[in-house]
Amino acid sequence: MAILANAFSLITPDFGLFFWTMLTFALLWFILGKYAFGPIGKSLRERSDAIENSLKMAEKARAEMAALQSDHQRLLVEATEERSRIIQEARVTANSVMEEARDRAKEEADRIVASAAEAINNQKMAALIDVKNKAGIMALDIAEKVLRRELQSKNEQEAYINSLVDEFKLN
């Protein structure tokens, strides 16, 4: 066994073992280089390119997202300003409509008051004319009755006039 142990000692290899090990390694290296390292390297390069393209696309997407977000913020600010402007215009329009309606209502009220005052004045004048006409008619009736009767004494005449006046007051 000692002979066998000396023949296969790895610590002190002989030249034949070293030659065959190197030849096997070189042959394995050549075969792997021709059939395995090329495709592995190619797939590593493709993977690296894919990762690089993905990173570029992610950066591009991030830039587009930032641009969209800034556009969104700008549109939001514009919409807020537009809303404020529309509300302000609506307030101004509402105030002007209310003022116009108030002015029209005041003009209408003034017109109605003037018309009512004129109607009252016309009725007052008509009433005064009617009273004057009735007073004139009464005076004529009294005068007619006084003249018809031709009383002898002045006292009887005045008593008769007073009784006629009282009679007309009651009517």
C-alpha atoms as a PDB file:
ATOM      1  CA  MET A   1       0.000   0.000   0.000  1.00  0.00           C
ATOM      2  CA  ALA A   2       2.905   2.225   0.570  1.00  0.00           C
ATOM      3  CA  ILE A   3       3.881   1.765  -3.053  1.00  0.00           C
ATOM      4  CA  LEU A   4       0.450   2.676  -4.170  1.00  0.00           C
ATOM      5  CA  ALA A   5       0.443   5.713  -1.945  1.00  0.00           C
ATOM      6  CA  ASN A   6       3.710   6.916  -3.484  1.00  0.00           C
ATOM      7  CA  ALA A   7       2.477   6.451  -7.009  1.00  0.00           C
ATOM      8  CA  PHE A   8      -0.620   8.623  -6.590  1.00  0.00           C
ATOM      9  CA  SER A   9       0.708  11.306  -4.289  1.00  0.00           C
ATOM     10  CA  LEU A  10      -0.793  14.694  -5.067  1.00  0.00           C
ATOM     11  CA  ILE A  11       1.784  16.610  -3.151  1.00  0.00           C
ATOM     12  CA  THR A  12       4.618  15.426  -5.367  1.00  0.00           C
ATOM     13  CA  PRO A  13       3.006  14.812  -8.718  1.00  0.00           C
ATOM     14  CA  ASP A  14       5.099  13.329 -11.449  1.00  0.00           C
ATOM     15  CA  PHE A  15       5.384  14.756 -14.941  1.00  0.00           C
ATOM     16  CA  GLY A  16       2.882  12.381 -16.600  1.00  0.00           C
ATOM     17  CA  LEU A  17       0.063  13.272 -14.234  1.00  0.00           C
ATOM     18  CA  PHE A  18       0.845  16.955 -14.668  1.00  0.00           C
ATOM     19  CA  PHE A  19       0.877  16.639 -18.494  1.00  0.00           C
ATOM     20  CA  TRP A  20      -2.441  14.794 -18.700  1.00  0.00           C
ATOM     21  CA  THR A  21      -4.097  17.140 -16.218  1.00  0.00           C
ATOM     22  CA  MET A  22      -2.969  20.150 -18.237  1.00  0.00           C
ATOM     23  CA  LEU A  23      -3.998  18.559 -21.522  1.00  0.00           C
ATOM     24  CA  THR A  24      -7.457  17.733 -20.119  1.00  0.00           C
ATOM     25  CA  PHE A  25      -7.794  21.246 -18.729  1.00  0.00           C
ATOM     26  CA  ALA A  26      -6.752  22.831 -22.020  1.00  0.00           C
ATOM     27  CA  LEU A  27      -9.106  20.594 -23.996  1.00  0.00           C
ATOM     28  CA  LEU A  28     -11.960  21.362 -21.584  1.00  0.00           C
ATOM     29  CA  TRP A  29     -11.131  25.074 -21.762  1.00  0.00           C
ATOM     30  CA  PHE A  30     -11.177  24.997 -25.572  1.00  0.00           C
ATOM     31  CA  ILE A  31     -14.508  23.129 -25.723  1.00  0.00           C
ATOM     32  CA  LEU A  32     -16.081  25.408 -23.111  1.00  0.00           C
ATOM     33  CA  GLY A  33     -14.672  28.487 -24.860  1.00  0.00           C
ATOM     34  CA  LYS A  34     -16.042  27.402 -28.208  1.00  0.00           C
ATOM     35  CA  TYR A  35     -19.469  26.174 -27.117  1.00  0.00           C
ATOM     36  CA  ALA A  36     -20.206  27.613 -23.663  1.00  0.00           C
ATOM     37  CA  PHE A  37     -18.293  30.860 -23.014  1.00  0.00           C
ATOM     38  CA  GLY A  38     -19.456  32.506 -26.269  1.00  0.00           C
ATOM     39  CA  PRO A  39     -23.171  31.965 -25.654  1.00  0.00           C
ATOM     40  CA  ILE A  40     -22.780  32.740 -21.929  1.00  0.00           C
ATOM     41  CA  GLY A  41     -20.918  35.972 -22.759  1.00  0.00           C
ATOM     42  CA  LYS A  42     -23.459  36.804 -25.442  1.00  0.00           C
ATOM     43  CA  SER A  43     -26.361  36.243 -23.053  1.00  0.00           C
ATOM     44  CA  LEU A  44     -24.560  38.333 -20.387  1.00  0.00           C
ATOM     45  CA  ARG A  45     -24.083  41.166 -22.906  1.00  0.00           C
ATOM     46  CA  GLU A  46     -27.743  40.894 -23.977  1.00  0.00           C
ATOM     47  CA  ARG A  47     -28.808  40.917 -20.340  1.00  0.00           C
ATOM     48  CA  SER A  48     -26.574  43.940 -19.669  1.00  0.00           C
ATOM     49  CA  ASP A  49     -27.993  45.728 -22.733  1.00  0.00           C
ATOM     50  CA  ALA A  50     -31.544  44.863 -21.675  1.00  0.00           C
ATOM     51  CA  ILE A  51     -30.894  46.213 -18.170  1.00  0.00           C
ATOM     52  CA  GLU A  52     -29.316  49.351 -19.619  1.00  0.00           C
ATOM     53  CA  ASN A  53     -32.265  49.843 -21.997  1.00  0.00           C
ATOM     54  CA  SER A  54     -34.692  49.272 -19.134  1.00  0.00           C
ATOM     55  CA  LEU A  55     -32.861  51.868 -17.050  1.00  0.00           C
ATOM     56  CA  LYS A  56     -32.950  54.334 -19.959  1.00  0.00           C
ATOM     57  CA  MET A  57     -36.663  53.666 -20.485  1.00  0.00           C
ATOM     58  CA  ALA A  58     -37.314  54.064 -16.760  1.00  0.00           C
ATOM     59  CA  GLU A  59     -35.431  57.363 -16.764  1.00  0.00           C
ATOM     60  CA  LYS A  60     -37.369  58.466 -19.843  1.00  0.00           C
ATOM     61  CA  ALA A  61     -40.644  57.420 -18.201  1.00  0.00           C
ATOM     62  CA  ARG A  62     -39.620  59.283 -15.036  1.00  0.00           C
ATOM     63  CA  ALA A  63     -38.898  62.408 -17.103  1.00  0.00           C
ATOM     64  CA  GLU A  64     -42.224  62.064 -18.933  1.00  0.00           C
ATOM     65  CA  MET A  65     -44.008  61.545 -15.627  1.00  0.00           C
ATOM     66  CA  ALA A  66     -42.355  64.669 -14.211  1.00  0.00           C
ATOM     67  CA  ALA A  67     -43.371  66.601 -17.323  1.00  0.00           C
ATOM     68  CA  LEU A  68     -46.929  65.265 -17.050  1.00  0.00           C
ATOM     69  CA  GLN A  69     -47.009  66.137 -13.376  1.00  0.00           C
ATOM     70  CA  SER A  70     -45.808  69.677 -14.066  1.00  0.00           C
ATOM     71  CA  ASP A  71     -48.410  69.951 -16.856  1.00  0.00           C
ATOM     72  CA  HIS A  72     -51.019  68.638 -14.442  1.00  0.00           C
ATOM     73  CA  GLN A  73     -49.981  71.193 -11.814  1.00  0.00           C
ATOM     74  CA  ARG A  74     -50.037  73.955 -14.431  1.00  0.00           C
ATOM     75  CA  LEU A  75     -53.495  72.884 -15.630  1.00  0.00           C
ATOM     76  CA  LEU A  76     -54.692  72.681 -12.037  1.00  0.00           C
ATOM     77  CA  VAL A  77     -53.453  76.217 -11.363  1.00  0.00           C
ATOM     78  CA  GLU A  78     -55.045  77.455 -14.603  1.00  0.00           C
ATOM     79  CA  ALA A  79     -58.325  75.747 -13.724  1.00  0.00           C
ATOM     80  CA  THR A  80     -58.271  77.296 -10.255  1.00  0.00           C
ATOM     81  CA  GLU A  81     -57.597  80.730 -11.728  1.00  0.00           C
ATOM     82  CA  GLU A  82     -60.348  80.225 -14.323  1.00  0.00           C
ATOM     83  CA  ARG A  83     -62.780  79.132 -11.609  1.00  0.00           C
ATOM     84  CA  SER A  84     -61.914  82.197  -9.525  1.00  0.00           C
ATOM     85  CA  ARG A  85     -62.358  84.453 -12.555  1.00  0.00           C
ATOM     86  CA  ILE A  86     -65.726  82.884 -13.411  1.00  0.00           C
ATOM     87  CA  ILE A  87     -66.919  83.203  -9.808  1.00  0.00           C
ATOM     88  CA  GLN A  88     -65.825  86.847  -9.738  1.00  0.00           C
ATOM     89  CA  GLU A  89     -67.606  87.530 -13.041  1.00  0.00           C
ATOM     90  CA  ALA A  90     -70.722  85.794 -11.711  1.00  0.00           C
ATOM     91  CA  ARG A  91     -70.632  87.950  -8.571  1.00  0.00           C
ATOM     92  CA  VAL A  92     -70.238  91.117 -10.622  1.00  0.00           C
ATOM     93  CA  THR A  93     -73.053  90.049 -12.950  1.00  0.00           C
ATOM     94  CA  ALA A  94     -75.297  89.115 -10.016  1.00  0.00           C
ATOM     95  CA  ASN A  95     -74.615  92.450  -8.328  1.00  0.00           C
ATOM     96  CA  SER A  96     -75.352  94.381 -11.521  1.00  0.00           C
ATOM     97  CA  VAL A  97     -78.542  92.386 -12.113  1.00  0.00           C
ATOM     98  CA  MET A  98     -79.627  93.032  -8.518  1.00  0.00           C
ATOM     99  CA  GLU A  99     -78.854  96.754  -8.836  1.00  0.00           C
ATOM    100  CA  GLU A 100     -80.736  96.913 -12.124  1.00  0.00           C
ATOM    101  CA  ALA A 101     -83.723  95.089 -10.609  1.00  0.00           C
ATOM    102  CA  ARG A 102     -83.602  97.408  -7.576  1.00  0.00           C
ATOM    103  CA  ASP A 103     -83.518 100.453  -9.858  1.00  0.00           C
ATOM    104  CA  ARG A 104     -86.400  99.127 -11.942  1.00  0.00           C
ATOM    105  CA  ALA A 105     -88.413  98.328  -8.801  1.00  0.00           C
ATOM    106  CA  LYS A 106     -87.723 101.817  -7.417  1.00  0.00           C
ATOM    107  CA  GLU A 107     -88.749 103.426 -10.713  1.00  0.00           C
ATOM    108  CA  GLU A 108     -91.900 101.299 -10.782  1.00  0.00           C
ATOM    109  CA  ALA A 109     -92.690 102.175  -7.160  1.00  0.00           C
ATOM    110  CA  ASP A 110     -92.118 105.884  -7.878  1.00  0.00           C
ATOM    111  CA  ARG A 111     -94.350 105.624 -10.934  1.00  0.00           C
ATOM    112  CA  ILE A 112     -97.070 103.860  -8.916  1.00  0.00           C
ATOM    113  CA  VAL A 113     -96.813 106.435  -6.105  1.00  0.00           C
ATOM    114  CA  ALA A 114     -97.001 109.296  -8.614  1.00  0.00           C
ATOM    115  CA  SER A 115     -99.953 107.645 -10.339  1.00  0.00           C
ATOM    116  CA  ALA A 116    -101.700 107.099  -6.997  1.00  0.00           C
ATOM    117  CA  ALA A 117    -101.007 110.707  -5.926  1.00  0.00           C
ATOM    118  CA  GLU A 118    -102.419 111.929  -9.223  1.00  0.00           C
ATOM    119  CA  ALA A 119    -105.492 109.694  -8.841  1.00  0.00           C
ATOM    120  CA  ILE A 120    -106.011 110.935  -5.264  1.00  0.00           C
ATOM    121  CA  ASN A 121    -105.635 114.523  -6.405  1.00  0.00           C
ATOM    122  CA  ASN A 122    -108.111 113.927  -9.260  1.00  0.00           C
ATOM    123  CA  GLN A 123    -110.608 112.325  -6.870  1.00  0.00           C
ATOM    124  CA  LYS A 124    -110.126 115.178  -4.399  1.00  0.00           C
ATOM    125  CA  MET A 125    -110.769 117.711  -7.128  1.00  0.00           C
ATOM    126  CA  ALA A 126    -113.827 115.756  -8.290  1.00  0.00           C
ATOM    127  CA  ALA A 127    -115.126 115.619  -4.701  1.00  0.00           C
ATOM    128  CA  LEU A 128    -114.586 119.385  -4.251  1.00  0.00           C
ATOM    129  CA  ILE A 129    -116.352 120.088  -7.521  1.00  0.00           C
ATOM    130  CA  ASP A 130    -119.197 117.794  -6.471  1.00  0.00           C
ATOM    131  CA  VAL A 131    -119.478 119.532  -3.064  1.00  0.00           C
ATOM    132  CA  LYS A 132    -119.447 122.938  -4.726  1.00  0.00           C
ATOM    133  CA  ASN A 133    -122.104 121.813  -7.210  1.00  0.00           C
ATOM    134  CA  LYS A 134    -124.296 120.435  -4.430  1.00  0.00           C
ATOM    135  CA  ALA A 135    -123.803 123.583  -2.350  1.00  0.00           C
ATOM    136  CA  GLY A 136    -124.762 125.691  -5.350  1.00  0.00           C
ATOM    137  CA  ILE A 137    -127.807 123.554  -6.024  1.00  0.00           C
ATOM    138  CA  MET A 138    -128.798 123.798  -2.353  1.00  0.00           C
ATOM    139  CA  ALA A 139    -128.375 127.563  -2.385  1.00  0.00           C
ATOM    140  CA  LEU A 140    -130.510 127.790  -5.509  1.00  0.00           C
ATOM    141  CA  ASP A 141    -133.183 125.557  -3.998  1.00  0.00           C
ATOM    142  CA  ILE A 142    -133.223 127.604  -0.816  1.00  0.00           C
ATOM    143  CA  ALA A 143    -133.358 130.842  -2.744  1.00  0.00           C
ATOM    144  CA  GLU A 144    -136.147 129.500  -4.903  1.00  0.00           C
ATOM    145  CA  LYS A 145    -138.216 128.426  -1.915  1.00  0.00           C
ATOM    146  CA  VAL A 146    -137.549 131.715  -0.128  1.00  0.00           C
ATOM    147  CA  LEU A 147    -138.658 133.707  -3.103  1.00  0.00           C
ATOM    148  CA  ARG A 148    -141.761 131.647  -3.611  1.00  0.00           C
ATOM    149  CA  ARG A 149    -142.893 131.991  -0.140  1.00  0.00           C
ATOM    150  CA  GLU A 150    -142.338 135.695   0.315  1.00  0.00           C
ATOM    151  CA  LEU A 151    -142.634 135.811   3.930  1.00  0.00           C
ATOM    152  CA  GLN A 152    -143.740 138.984   5.671  1.00  0.00           C
ATOM    153  CA  SER A 153    -141.353 139.206   8.449  1.00  0.00           C
ATOM    154  CA  LYS A 154    -137.695 138.957   8.394  1.00  0.00           C
ATOM    155  CA  ASN A 155    -137.635 136.675  11.426  1.00  0.00           C
ATOM    156  CA  GLU A 156    -139.928 134.187   9.763  1.00  0.00           C
ATOM    157  CA  GLN A 157    -137.781 134.341   6.659  1.00  0.00           C
ATOM    158  CA  GLU A 158    -134.597 133.587   8.644  1.00  0.00           C
ATOM    159  CA  ALA A 159    -136.297 130.778  10.601  1.00  0.00           C
ATOM    160  CA  TYR A 160    -137.491 129.276   7.368  1.00  0.00           C
ATOM    161  CA  ILE A 161    -133.971 129.517   5.819  1.00  0.00           C
ATOM    162  CA  ASN A 162    -132.440 127.883   8.907  1.00  0.00           C
ATOM    163  CA  SER A 163    -134.990 125.032   8.786  1.00  0.00           C
ATOM    164  CA  LEU A 164    -134.182 124.475   5.092  1.00  0.00           C
ATOM    165  CA  VAL A 165    -130.451 124.479   5.814  1.00  0.00           C
ATOM    166  CA  ASP A 166    -130.943 121.958   8.625  1.00  0.00           C
ATOM    167  CA  GLU A 167    -133.011 119.858   6.267  1.00  0.00           C
ATOM    168  CA  PHE A 168    -130.228 119.820   3.666  1.00  0.00           C
ATOM    169  CA  LYS A 169    -127.625 118.998   6.295  1.00  0.00           C
ATOM    170  CA  LEU A 170    -129.509 115.872   7.169  1.00  0.00           C
ATOM    171  CA  ASN A 171    -129.629 114.719   3.540  1.00  0.00           C
END
